Amino acid sequence: MVMTSSSSDSKPGINEAPSKKLGDSSPELGDSNSSEKLGDSSPELGDSNSSEELGDSEESVFCLFMKEGDCKDSFTAWEVCVEEAKKKNEDFVPKCREFTATMYNCMLAHSDYYQPILLAEKVYYEDEETMKEIEEAEKNKVKQDISQEDDVAATKLAQG
């Protein structure tokens, strides 16, 4: 079934191209100037700023979540410590250890709210431990394979 437009109908039929009379400024597929038509505000793939913006937005969601809970004060103190350490090019882990412990203890005390963060941390460390176990097993297998190859080579030499 082919639909076409009548002379009185201004809408294109299914098999007709849309009219450009309406000033359609949307970019066409394959149009090399499509980024110009989209404007400068839309990040393109490979744009170095787009990945930074994504990271900032993810961090801000995390920060907002942390600050909306009962551990707002301890999180803010930890955040200030981390920012100061970064400004001085210092390792924030040892410098902010006390703030981290205070914040973590607060999160445990209010685990009903901070459950998603605590669970994510647990999964992260379980995955990290699993990866260490896999790497260790692979190292042991390589050592075992080398040992077996050495045994075979020694047997061949002895048979000679």
C-alpha atoms as a PDB file:
ATOM      1  CA  MET A   1       0.000   0.000   0.000  1.00  0.00           C
ATOM      2  CA  VAL A   2       1.574   3.290  -1.112  1.00  0.00           C
ATOM      3  CA  MET A   3       0.370   6.480   0.497  1.00  0.00           C
ATOM      4  CA  THR A   4       0.845   9.750  -1.290  1.00  0.00           C
ATOM      5  CA  SER A   5      -0.260  13.199  -0.381  1.00  0.00           C
ATOM      6  CA  SER A   6      -3.030  14.911  -2.203  1.00  0.00           C
ATOM      7  CA  SER A   7      -2.591  18.408  -3.541  1.00  0.00           C
ATOM      8  CA  SER A   8      -4.630  19.830  -0.669  1.00  0.00           C
ATOM      9  CA  ASP A   9      -2.679  17.885   2.002  1.00  0.00           C
ATOM     10  CA  SER A  10       0.495  19.665   3.129  1.00  0.00           C
ATOM     11  CA  LYS A  11       1.934  16.609   4.955  1.00  0.00           C
ATOM     12  CA  PRO A  12       4.300  14.409   2.977  1.00  0.00           C
ATOM     13  CA  GLY A  13       3.279  10.829   2.294  1.00  0.00           C
ATOM     14  CA  ILE A  14       5.206   7.846   3.642  1.00  0.00           C
ATOM     15  CA  ASN A  15       7.304   7.531   0.486  1.00  0.00           C
ATOM     16  CA  GLU A  16       7.996  11.257   0.104  1.00  0.00           C
ATOM     17  CA  ALA A  17      10.860  13.276   1.550  1.00  0.00           C
ATOM     18  CA  PRO A  18       9.893  15.904   4.114  1.00  0.00           C
ATOM     19  CA  SER A  19       9.687  19.428   2.809  1.00  0.00           C
ATOM     20  CA  LYS A  20      12.418  21.926   3.713  1.00  0.00           C
ATOM     21  CA  LYS A  21       9.872  24.770   3.563  1.00  0.00           C
ATOM     22  CA  LEU A  22       9.438  24.765   7.335  1.00  0.00           C
ATOM     23  CA  GLY A  23      13.062  25.700   7.910  1.00  0.00           C
ATOM     24  CA  ASP A  24      14.124  22.356   9.313  1.00  0.00           C
ATOM     25  CA  SER A  25      17.558  23.045  10.769  1.00  0.00           C
ATOM     26  CA  SER A  26      18.188  19.601  12.237  1.00  0.00           C
ATOM     27  CA  PRO A  27      21.375  17.966  10.954  1.00  0.00           C
ATOM     28  CA  GLU A  28      21.033  15.248   8.357  1.00  0.00           C
ATOM     29  CA  LEU A  29      22.782  11.908   8.741  1.00  0.00           C
ATOM     30  CA  GLY A  30      26.146  12.049   7.064  1.00  0.00           C
ATOM     31  CA  ASP A  31      26.164  15.848   7.081  1.00  0.00           C
ATOM     32  CA  SER A  32      29.746  16.915   7.688  1.00  0.00           C
ATOM     33  CA  ASN A  33      28.625  20.183   9.241  1.00  0.00           C
ATOM     34  CA  SER A  34      26.272  18.580  11.759  1.00  0.00           C
ATOM     35  CA  SER A  35      28.365  19.720  14.720  1.00  0.00           C
ATOM     36  CA  GLU A  36      28.005  23.313  13.570  1.00  0.00           C
ATOM     37  CA  LYS A  37      24.225  22.924  13.392  1.00  0.00           C
ATOM     38  CA  LEU A  38      24.113  21.414  16.875  1.00  0.00           C
ATOM     39  CA  GLY A  39      25.960  24.379  18.306  1.00  0.00           C
ATOM     40  CA  ASP A  40      28.978  24.601  20.557  1.00  0.00           C
ATOM     41  CA  SER A  41      27.114  23.584  23.698  1.00  0.00           C
ATOM     42  CA  SER A  42      26.895  19.877  22.857  1.00  0.00           C
ATOM     43  CA  PRO A  43      30.067  17.890  23.614  1.00  0.00           C
ATOM     44  CA  GLU A  44      31.325  15.637  20.857  1.00  0.00           C
ATOM     45  CA  LEU A  45      32.827  12.201  21.325  1.00  0.00           C
ATOM     46  CA  GLY A  46      36.487  12.471  22.114  1.00  0.00           C
ATOM     47  CA  ASP A  47      36.093  15.952  23.554  1.00  0.00           C
ATOM     48  CA  SER A  48      38.375  16.086  26.577  1.00  0.00           C
ATOM     49  CA  ASN A  49      35.954  18.265  28.526  1.00  0.00           C
ATOM     50  CA  SER A  50      33.011  15.887  28.147  1.00  0.00           C
ATOM     51  CA  SER A  51      34.622  13.131  30.240  1.00  0.00           C
ATOM     52  CA  GLU A  52      35.634  15.612  32.911  1.00  0.00           C
ATOM     53  CA  GLU A  53      32.104  16.968  33.076  1.00  0.00           C
ATOM     54  CA  LEU A  54      30.740  13.443  33.473  1.00  0.00           C
ATOM     55  CA  GLY A  55      33.158  12.758  36.321  1.00  0.00           C
ATOM     56  CA  ASP A  56      32.205  15.991  38.041  1.00  0.00           C
ATOM     57  CA  SER A  57      28.499  15.248  37.760  1.00  0.00           C
ATOM     58  CA  GLU A  58      28.952  11.756  39.196  1.00  0.00           C
ATOM     59  CA  GLU A  59      30.997  13.151  42.053  1.00  0.00           C
ATOM     60  CA  SER A  60      28.427  15.813  42.788  1.00  0.00           C
ATOM     61  CA  VAL A  61      25.667  13.201  43.011  1.00  0.00           C
ATOM     62  CA  PHE A  62      27.793  11.269  45.499  1.00  0.00           C
ATOM     63  CA  CYS A  63      28.579  14.438  47.447  1.00  0.00           C
ATOM     64  CA  LEU A  64      24.939  15.476  47.528  1.00  0.00           C
ATOM     65  CA  PHE A  65      23.956  12.035  48.790  1.00  0.00           C
ATOM     66  CA  MET A  66      26.610  12.151  51.502  1.00  0.00           C
ATOM     67  CA  LYS A  67      25.673  15.677  52.552  1.00  0.00           C
ATOM     68  CA  GLU A  68      21.953  14.913  52.763  1.00  0.00           C
ATOM     69  CA  GLY A  69      22.521  12.285  55.440  1.00  0.00           C
ATOM     70  CA  ASP A  70      23.363  12.508  59.130  1.00  0.00           C
ATOM     71  CA  CYS A  71      27.111  12.343  58.389  1.00  0.00           C
ATOM     72  CA  LYS A  72      27.158  15.673  56.567  1.00  0.00           C
ATOM     73  CA  ASP A  73      29.586  17.287  59.022  1.00  0.00           C
ATOM     74  CA  SER A  74      32.082  14.433  59.046  1.00  0.00           C
ATOM     75  CA  PHE A  75      31.901  14.146  55.236  1.00  0.00           C
ATOM     76  CA  THR A  76      32.446  17.887  54.803  1.00  0.00           C
ATOM     77  CA  ALA A  77      35.455  17.793  57.154  1.00  0.00           C
ATOM     78  CA  TRP A  78      36.887  14.833  55.212  1.00  0.00           C
ATOM     79  CA  GLU A  79      36.252  16.633  51.907  1.00  0.00           C
ATOM     80  CA  VAL A  80      38.079  19.769  53.109  1.00  0.00           C
ATOM     81  CA  CYS A  81      41.021  17.649  54.265  1.00  0.00           C
ATOM     82  CA  VAL A  82      41.234  15.897  50.890  1.00  0.00           C
ATOM     83  CA  GLU A  83      41.059  19.192  48.980  1.00  0.00           C
ATOM     84  CA  GLU A  84      43.820  20.711  51.137  1.00  0.00           C
ATOM     85  CA  ALA A  85      46.026  17.656  50.596  1.00  0.00           C
ATOM     86  CA  LYS A  86      45.502  17.810  46.837  1.00  0.00           C
ATOM     87  CA  LYS A  87      46.393  21.515  46.762  1.00  0.00           C
ATOM     88  CA  LYS A  88      49.672  20.702  48.528  1.00  0.00           C
ATOM     89  CA  ASN A  89      50.304  17.626  46.330  1.00  0.00           C
ATOM     90  CA  GLU A  90      50.177  15.401  49.411  1.00  0.00           C
ATOM     91  CA  ASP A  91      48.787  11.895  49.727  1.00  0.00           C
ATOM     92  CA  PHE A  92      45.404  12.413  51.360  1.00  0.00           C
ATOM     93  CA  VAL A  93      45.094   8.832  52.652  1.00  0.00           C
ATOM     94  CA  PRO A  94      47.497   9.152  55.598  1.00  0.00           C
ATOM     95  CA  LYS A  95      46.809  12.864  56.065  1.00  0.00           C
ATOM     96  CA  CYS A  96      43.017  12.428  56.332  1.00  0.00           C
ATOM     97  CA  ARG A  97      42.980   9.049  58.090  1.00  0.00           C
ATOM     98  CA  GLU A  98      41.246  10.380  61.214  1.00  0.00           C
ATOM     99  CA  PHE A  99      38.576  12.175  59.160  1.00  0.00           C
ATOM    100  CA  THR A 100      38.023   9.006  57.134  1.00  0.00           C
ATOM    101  CA  ALA A 101      37.608   6.911  60.285  1.00  0.00           C
ATOM    102  CA  THR A 102      35.184   9.415  61.811  1.00  0.00           C
ATOM    103  CA  MET A 103      33.114   9.533  58.630  1.00  0.00           C
ATOM    104  CA  TYR A 104      33.122   5.738  58.261  1.00  0.00           C
ATOM    105  CA  ASN A 105      32.019   5.212  61.881  1.00  0.00           C
ATOM    106  CA  CYS A 106      29.236   7.746  61.352  1.00  0.00           C
ATOM    107  CA  MET A 107      28.137   5.923  58.188  1.00  0.00           C
ATOM    108  CA  LEU A 108      28.036   2.643  60.103  1.00  0.00           C
ATOM    109  CA  ALA A 109      25.979   4.279  62.851  1.00  0.00           C
ATOM    110  CA  HIS A 110      23.533   5.496  60.175  1.00  0.00           C
ATOM    111  CA  SER A 111      23.750   2.455  57.933  1.00  0.00           C
ATOM    112  CA  ASP A 112      20.051   2.619  57.114  1.00  0.00           C
ATOM    113  CA  TYR A 113      20.743   5.714  54.981  1.00  0.00           C
ATOM    114  CA  TYR A 114      24.314   4.955  53.894  1.00  0.00           C
ATOM    115  CA  GLN A 115      23.586   1.309  53.002  1.00  0.00           C
ATOM    116  CA  PRO A 116      24.197   1.811  49.241  1.00  0.00           C
ATOM    117  CA  ILE A 117      27.670   3.272  49.839  1.00  0.00           C
ATOM    118  CA  LEU A 118      28.609   0.658  52.430  1.00  0.00           C
ATOM    119  CA  LEU A 119      27.398  -2.138  50.162  1.00  0.00           C
ATOM    120  CA  ALA A 120      29.309  -0.763  47.169  1.00  0.00           C
ATOM    121  CA  GLU A 121      32.464  -0.600  49.282  1.00  0.00           C
ATOM    122  CA  LYS A 122      31.985  -4.185  50.439  1.00  0.00           C
ATOM    123  CA  VAL A 123      31.480  -5.424  46.863  1.00  0.00           C
ATOM    124  CA  TYR A 124      34.523  -3.454  45.699  1.00  0.00           C
ATOM    125  CA  TYR A 125      36.803  -5.004  48.289  1.00  0.00           C
ATOM    126  CA  GLU A 126      35.357  -8.483  47.727  1.00  0.00           C
ATOM    127  CA  ASP A 127      36.012  -8.089  43.995  1.00  0.00           C
ATOM    128  CA  GLU A 128      39.517  -6.820  44.722  1.00  0.00           C
ATOM    129  CA  GLU A 129      40.207  -9.832  46.952  1.00  0.00           C
ATOM    130  CA  THR A 130      38.805 -12.184  44.309  1.00  0.00           C
ATOM    131  CA  MET A 131      41.082 -10.624  41.690  1.00  0.00           C
ATOM    132  CA  LYS A 132      44.093 -11.131  43.982  1.00  0.00           C
ATOM    133  CA  GLU A 133      43.123 -14.785  44.449  1.00  0.00           C
ATOM    134  CA  ILE A 134      42.784 -15.280  40.682  1.00  0.00           C
ATOM    135  CA  GLU A 135      46.144 -13.619  40.030  1.00  0.00           C
ATOM    136  CA  GLU A 136      47.791 -15.772  42.698  1.00  0.00           C
ATOM    137  CA  ALA A 137      46.247 -18.936  41.229  1.00  0.00           C
ATOM    138  CA  GLU A 138      47.505 -17.954  37.769  1.00  0.00           C
ATOM    139  CA  LYS A 139      51.025 -17.378  39.139  1.00  0.00           C
ATOM    140  CA  ASN A 140      50.946 -20.768  40.860  1.00  0.00           C
ATOM    141  CA  LYS A 141      49.761 -22.452  37.656  1.00  0.00           C
ATOM    142  CA  VAL A 142      52.586 -20.859  35.672  1.00  0.00           C
ATOM    143  CA  LYS A 143      55.088 -22.014  38.307  1.00  0.00           C
ATOM    144  CA  GLN A 144      53.579 -25.509  38.204  1.00  0.00           C
ATOM    145  CA  ASP A 145      53.724 -25.591  34.383  1.00  0.00           C
ATOM    146  CA  ILE A 146      57.372 -24.489  34.428  1.00  0.00           C
ATOM    147  CA  SER A 147      58.172 -27.116  37.049  1.00  0.00           C
ATOM    148  CA  GLN A 148      56.523 -29.836  34.943  1.00  0.00           C
ATOM    149  CA  GLU A 149      58.417 -28.677  31.843  1.00  0.00           C
ATOM    150  CA  ASP A 150      61.671 -28.818  33.810  1.00  0.00           C
ATOM    151  CA  ASP A 151      60.838 -32.361  34.952  1.00  0.00           C
ATOM    152  CA  VAL A 152      60.135 -33.467  31.368  1.00  0.00           C
ATOM    153  CA  ALA A 153      63.367 -31.882  30.142  1.00  0.00           C
ATOM    154  CA  ALA A 154      65.363 -33.524  32.942  1.00  0.00           C
ATOM    155  CA  THR A 155      63.812 -36.921  32.138  1.00  0.00           C
ATOM    156  CA  LYS A 156      64.696 -36.554  28.444  1.00  0.00           C
ATOM    157  CA  LEU A 157      68.273 -35.614  29.333  1.00  0.00           C
ATOM    158  CA  ALA A 158      68.576 -38.593  31.667  1.00  0.00           C
ATOM    159  CA  GLN A 159      67.267 -40.948  28.963  1.00  0.00           C
ATOM    160  CA  GLY A 160      69.569 -39.323  26.589  1.00  0.00           C
END
